Protein backbone atom coordinates (compact mmCIF):
# COMPACT_ATOMS: atom_id res chain seq x y z
CA UNK A 1 96.61 127.56 36.73
CA UNK A 2 95.49 123.94 37.00
CA UNK A 3 98.26 122.71 34.74
CA UNK A 4 100.86 124.69 36.66
CA UNK A 5 99.62 123.19 39.94
CA UNK A 6 99.85 119.73 38.40
CA UNK A 7 103.45 120.34 37.42
CA UNK A 8 104.24 121.40 40.97
CA UNK A 9 102.53 118.30 42.36
CA UNK A 10 99.87 120.39 44.13
CA UNK A 11 97.08 117.98 43.27
CA UNK A 12 94.28 119.44 45.35
CA UNK A 13 94.88 122.95 44.02
CA UNK A 14 95.08 121.55 40.49
CA UNK A 15 91.76 119.74 40.87
CA UNK A 16 90.00 122.87 42.17
CA UNK A 17 91.31 125.00 39.30
CA UNK A 18 90.57 122.40 36.60
CA UNK A 19 87.07 121.75 37.92
CA UNK A 20 86.42 125.49 37.62
CA UNK A 21 87.81 125.46 34.08
CA UNK A 22 85.55 122.56 33.05
CA UNK A 23 82.62 124.31 34.72
CA UNK A 24 83.25 127.44 32.70
CA UNK A 25 83.66 125.54 29.43
CA UNK A 26 82.32 121.94 29.62
CA UNK A 27 83.13 121.30 25.97
CA UNK A 28 86.83 122.17 26.31
CA UNK A 29 88.58 118.83 25.68
CA UNK A 30 91.92 120.07 26.98
CA UNK A 31 90.43 121.10 30.33
CA UNK A 32 88.55 117.81 30.67
CA UNK A 33 91.69 115.84 29.81
CA UNK A 34 93.76 117.80 32.32
CA UNK A 35 91.13 117.25 35.02
CA UNK A 36 91.15 113.50 34.31
CA UNK A 37 94.94 113.52 34.52
CA UNK A 38 94.79 115.30 37.86
CA UNK A 39 92.21 112.85 39.23
CA UNK A 40 94.39 109.93 38.10
CA UNK A 41 97.38 111.48 39.87
CA UNK A 42 95.35 111.91 43.07
CA UNK A 43 94.21 108.30 42.82
CA UNK A 44 97.79 107.12 42.36
CA UNK A 45 98.87 109.02 45.47
CA UNK A 46 96.04 107.45 47.46
CA UNK A 47 96.85 103.97 46.18
CA UNK A 48 100.53 104.39 47.02
CA UNK A 49 99.67 105.55 50.55
CA UNK A 50 97.34 102.58 51.13
CA UNK A 51 99.97 100.20 49.73
CA UNK A 52 102.72 101.53 52.00
CA UNK A 53 100.41 101.41 55.02
CA UNK A 54 99.37 97.83 54.18
CA UNK A 55 103.01 96.73 53.93
CA UNK A 56 103.74 98.27 57.35
CA UNK A 57 100.77 96.44 58.86
CA UNK A 58 101.82 93.15 57.26
CA UNK A 59 105.27 93.56 58.78
CA UNK A 60 103.57 94.02 62.18
CA UNK A 61 101.30 91.04 61.46
CA UNK A 62 98.19 93.20 61.87
CA UNK A 63 96.34 91.17 59.28
CA UNK A 64 92.85 92.61 59.69
CA UNK A 65 94.05 96.19 59.30
CA UNK A 66 96.26 95.22 56.37
CA UNK A 67 93.29 93.60 54.63
CA UNK A 68 91.32 96.83 55.11
CA UNK A 69 94.10 98.85 53.44
CA UNK A 70 94.19 96.50 50.47
CA UNK A 71 90.38 96.70 50.29
CA UNK A 72 90.67 100.50 50.12
CA UNK A 73 92.94 100.14 47.09
CA UNK A 74 90.48 97.79 45.42
CA UNK A 75 87.69 100.30 46.04
CA UNK A 76 89.70 102.80 43.98
CA UNK A 77 90.65 100.30 41.28
CA UNK A 78 89.45 96.68 41.50
CA UNK A 79 91.88 95.58 38.76
CA UNK A 80 95.08 96.18 40.74
CA UNK A 81 96.79 92.84 41.18
CA UNK A 82 98.94 93.53 44.25
CA UNK A 83 95.87 94.71 46.17
CA UNK A 84 93.81 91.69 45.19
CA UNK A 85 96.54 89.23 46.12
CA UNK A 86 97.44 91.14 49.29
CA UNK A 87 93.83 91.25 50.42
CA UNK A 88 93.41 87.51 49.91
CA UNK A 89 96.64 86.73 51.78
CA UNK A 90 95.97 89.11 54.68
CA UNK A 91 92.38 87.93 55.03
CA UNK A 92 93.49 84.29 55.10
CA UNK A 93 96.11 85.05 57.78
CA UNK A 94 93.54 86.95 59.83
CA UNK A 95 91.12 84.00 59.71
CA UNK A 96 93.93 81.63 60.70
CA UNK A 97 94.92 83.87 63.61
CA UNK A 98 91.31 84.02 64.83
CA UNK A 99 90.99 80.24 64.64
CA UNK A 100 94.17 79.79 66.68
CA UNK A 101 92.92 82.32 69.24
CA UNK A 102 89.62 80.45 69.57
CA UNK A 103 91.57 77.55 71.14
CA UNK A 104 94.29 79.54 72.91
CA UNK A 105 91.82 81.89 74.61
CA UNK A 106 89.59 79.01 75.77
CA UNK A 107 91.90 76.09 76.63
CA UNK A 108 89.16 74.54 78.79
CA UNK A 109 87.34 73.61 75.57
CA UNK A 110 90.15 71.18 74.72
CA UNK A 111 88.77 68.73 77.27
CA UNK A 112 86.16 67.76 74.67
CA UNK A 113 87.39 65.10 72.24
CA UNK A 114 85.96 66.85 69.18
CA UNK A 115 87.52 70.20 70.09
CA UNK A 116 90.89 68.59 70.83
CA UNK A 117 90.82 66.84 67.45
CA UNK A 118 89.93 70.12 65.72
CA UNK A 119 92.85 71.87 67.46
CA UNK A 120 95.22 69.14 66.27
CA UNK A 121 93.97 69.49 62.70
CA UNK A 122 94.48 73.24 62.84
CA UNK A 123 98.01 72.77 64.18
CA UNK A 124 98.76 70.45 61.26
CA UNK A 125 97.27 73.01 58.90
CA UNK A 126 99.60 75.74 60.15
CA UNK A 127 102.59 73.59 59.23
CA UNK A 128 101.79 74.21 55.57
CA UNK A 129 101.66 78.01 55.83
CA UNK A 130 104.18 79.71 53.57
CA UNK A 131 106.56 82.25 55.14
CA UNK A 132 105.39 81.81 58.73
CA UNK A 133 106.12 84.84 60.91
CA UNK A 134 107.06 85.30 64.55
CA UNK A 135 103.53 85.79 65.87
CA UNK A 136 102.25 82.74 64.02
CA UNK A 137 105.13 80.68 65.38
CA UNK A 138 104.36 81.87 68.91
CA UNK A 139 100.69 80.95 68.59
CA UNK A 140 101.55 77.60 67.04
CA UNK A 141 103.93 76.84 69.94
CA UNK A 142 101.34 77.92 72.53
CA UNK A 143 98.62 75.78 71.00
CA UNK A 144 100.96 72.78 70.77
CA UNK A 145 101.67 73.07 74.50
CA UNK A 146 97.98 73.44 75.35
CA UNK A 147 97.14 70.34 73.30
CA UNK A 148 99.85 68.35 75.09
CA UNK A 149 98.53 69.42 78.49
CA UNK A 150 94.92 68.72 77.52
CA UNK A 151 95.82 65.26 76.20
CA UNK A 152 97.77 64.19 79.32
CA UNK A 153 95.52 62.20 81.71
CA UNK A 154 95.56 62.87 85.46
CA UNK A 155 94.83 60.22 88.06
CA UNK A 156 91.64 60.97 90.04
CA UNK A 157 90.08 59.08 92.93
CA UNK A 158 86.36 58.48 93.41
CA UNK A 159 85.10 57.44 96.85
CA UNK A 160 81.71 55.79 97.29
CA UNK A 161 79.94 53.31 99.59
CA UNK A 162 79.74 50.09 97.60
CA UNK A 163 75.99 50.51 97.01
CA UNK A 164 75.71 53.76 95.01
CA UNK A 165 75.81 53.32 91.24
CA UNK A 166 78.18 55.90 89.81
CA UNK A 167 78.06 57.44 86.35
CA UNK A 168 80.62 59.87 84.92
CA UNK A 169 79.23 61.72 81.93
CA UNK A 170 81.48 61.36 78.92
CA UNK A 171 83.22 58.35 80.48
CA UNK A 172 80.48 55.84 81.27
CA UNK A 173 78.85 53.86 84.07
CA UNK A 174 81.30 52.71 86.73
CA UNK A 175 78.85 50.71 88.83
CA UNK A 176 79.09 50.46 92.62
CA UNK A 177 82.43 50.54 94.44
CA UNK A 178 84.13 51.80 97.56
CA UNK A 179 87.09 53.37 95.81
CA UNK A 180 87.89 53.77 92.13
CA UNK A 181 90.83 55.39 90.37
CA UNK A 182 90.47 56.89 86.90
CA UNK A 183 92.81 58.58 84.47
CA UNK A 184 90.96 61.62 83.11
CA UNK A 185 92.08 64.39 80.81
CA UNK A 186 91.88 67.94 82.23
CA UNK A 187 88.38 69.35 82.18
CA UNK A 188 85.13 69.46 84.12
CA UNK A 189 83.14 66.25 84.56
CA UNK A 190 79.66 65.65 85.93
CA UNK A 191 79.43 62.66 88.28
CA UNK A 192 76.02 61.22 89.19
CA UNK A 193 75.22 58.70 91.91
CA UNK A 194 71.99 56.67 92.03
CA UNK A 195 70.66 54.18 94.58
CA UNK A 196 67.22 52.60 94.96
CA UNK A 197 65.24 54.32 97.70
CA UNK A 198 67.65 57.25 97.93
CA UNK A 199 67.80 60.66 96.32
CA UNK A 200 70.23 60.93 93.42
CA UNK A 201 73.35 63.02 93.90
CA UNK A 202 75.15 65.07 91.30
CA UNK A 203 78.71 66.28 91.73
CA UNK A 204 81.11 68.29 89.61
CA UNK A 205 84.67 67.05 89.26
CA UNK A 206 87.21 69.55 87.97
CA UNK A 207 90.49 68.11 86.77
CA UNK A 208 93.10 70.85 86.60
CA UNK A 209 96.08 70.44 84.25
CA UNK A 210 99.28 69.97 86.20
CA UNK A 211 97.44 70.00 89.53
CA UNK A 212 97.29 67.49 92.35
CA UNK A 213 95.28 64.30 91.89
CA UNK A 214 91.72 65.28 92.87
CA UNK A 215 89.30 63.08 94.80
CA UNK A 216 85.52 63.15 94.95
CA UNK A 217 83.04 61.42 97.22
CA UNK A 218 79.80 60.21 95.65
CA UNK A 219 77.28 58.63 98.04
CA UNK A 220 73.49 58.55 98.02
CA UNK A 221 72.53 59.04 101.69
CA UNK A 222 69.15 60.83 101.69
CA UNK A 223 66.23 58.41 101.79
CA UNK A 224 63.06 59.09 99.82
């Protein structure tokens, strides 16, 4: 019955029948061999299904899910080459996608010099990717535009009183002045004013990409 089911491709029925046969006569080599053949056929079906599913996911650029399908194949047989290579490729693409998203989803981070430099290095790295796909090209284009915006300075105006010493964190000490213009990249800056005999003031200056030139008044006016 098990062999007949195997011939018909009814693998589950074949396994049930052959397991019963081996249970009735554990020393029967023919039954054991047939059961092993049936298990191998079931495994092949499972591997083929995972492979086809992985290829569909790769075509949709769902790299994390594709890697999981290849991992399922390797769990059945760790020696299969296409699964090993596919898992490595899909995992690498998934990591690359996540790294791109880390900048695209938080463009405000690009105001920091170190983050902007890291984004530029990643953009250069994507240029060397073999067989780039549509989603990767879209993310690469989006990141390139974000880098350009983040790297374009915007003129800002600081107003003071000629006696308050002004410091812009990340830029430096500007000293005392009545009016000062600066070219700052988009981002959020902390501006501090100090003056002997007066309470320090702390202001936040937000420079929006593509926005109007902002101005900020920094004066120490409260005596202590």
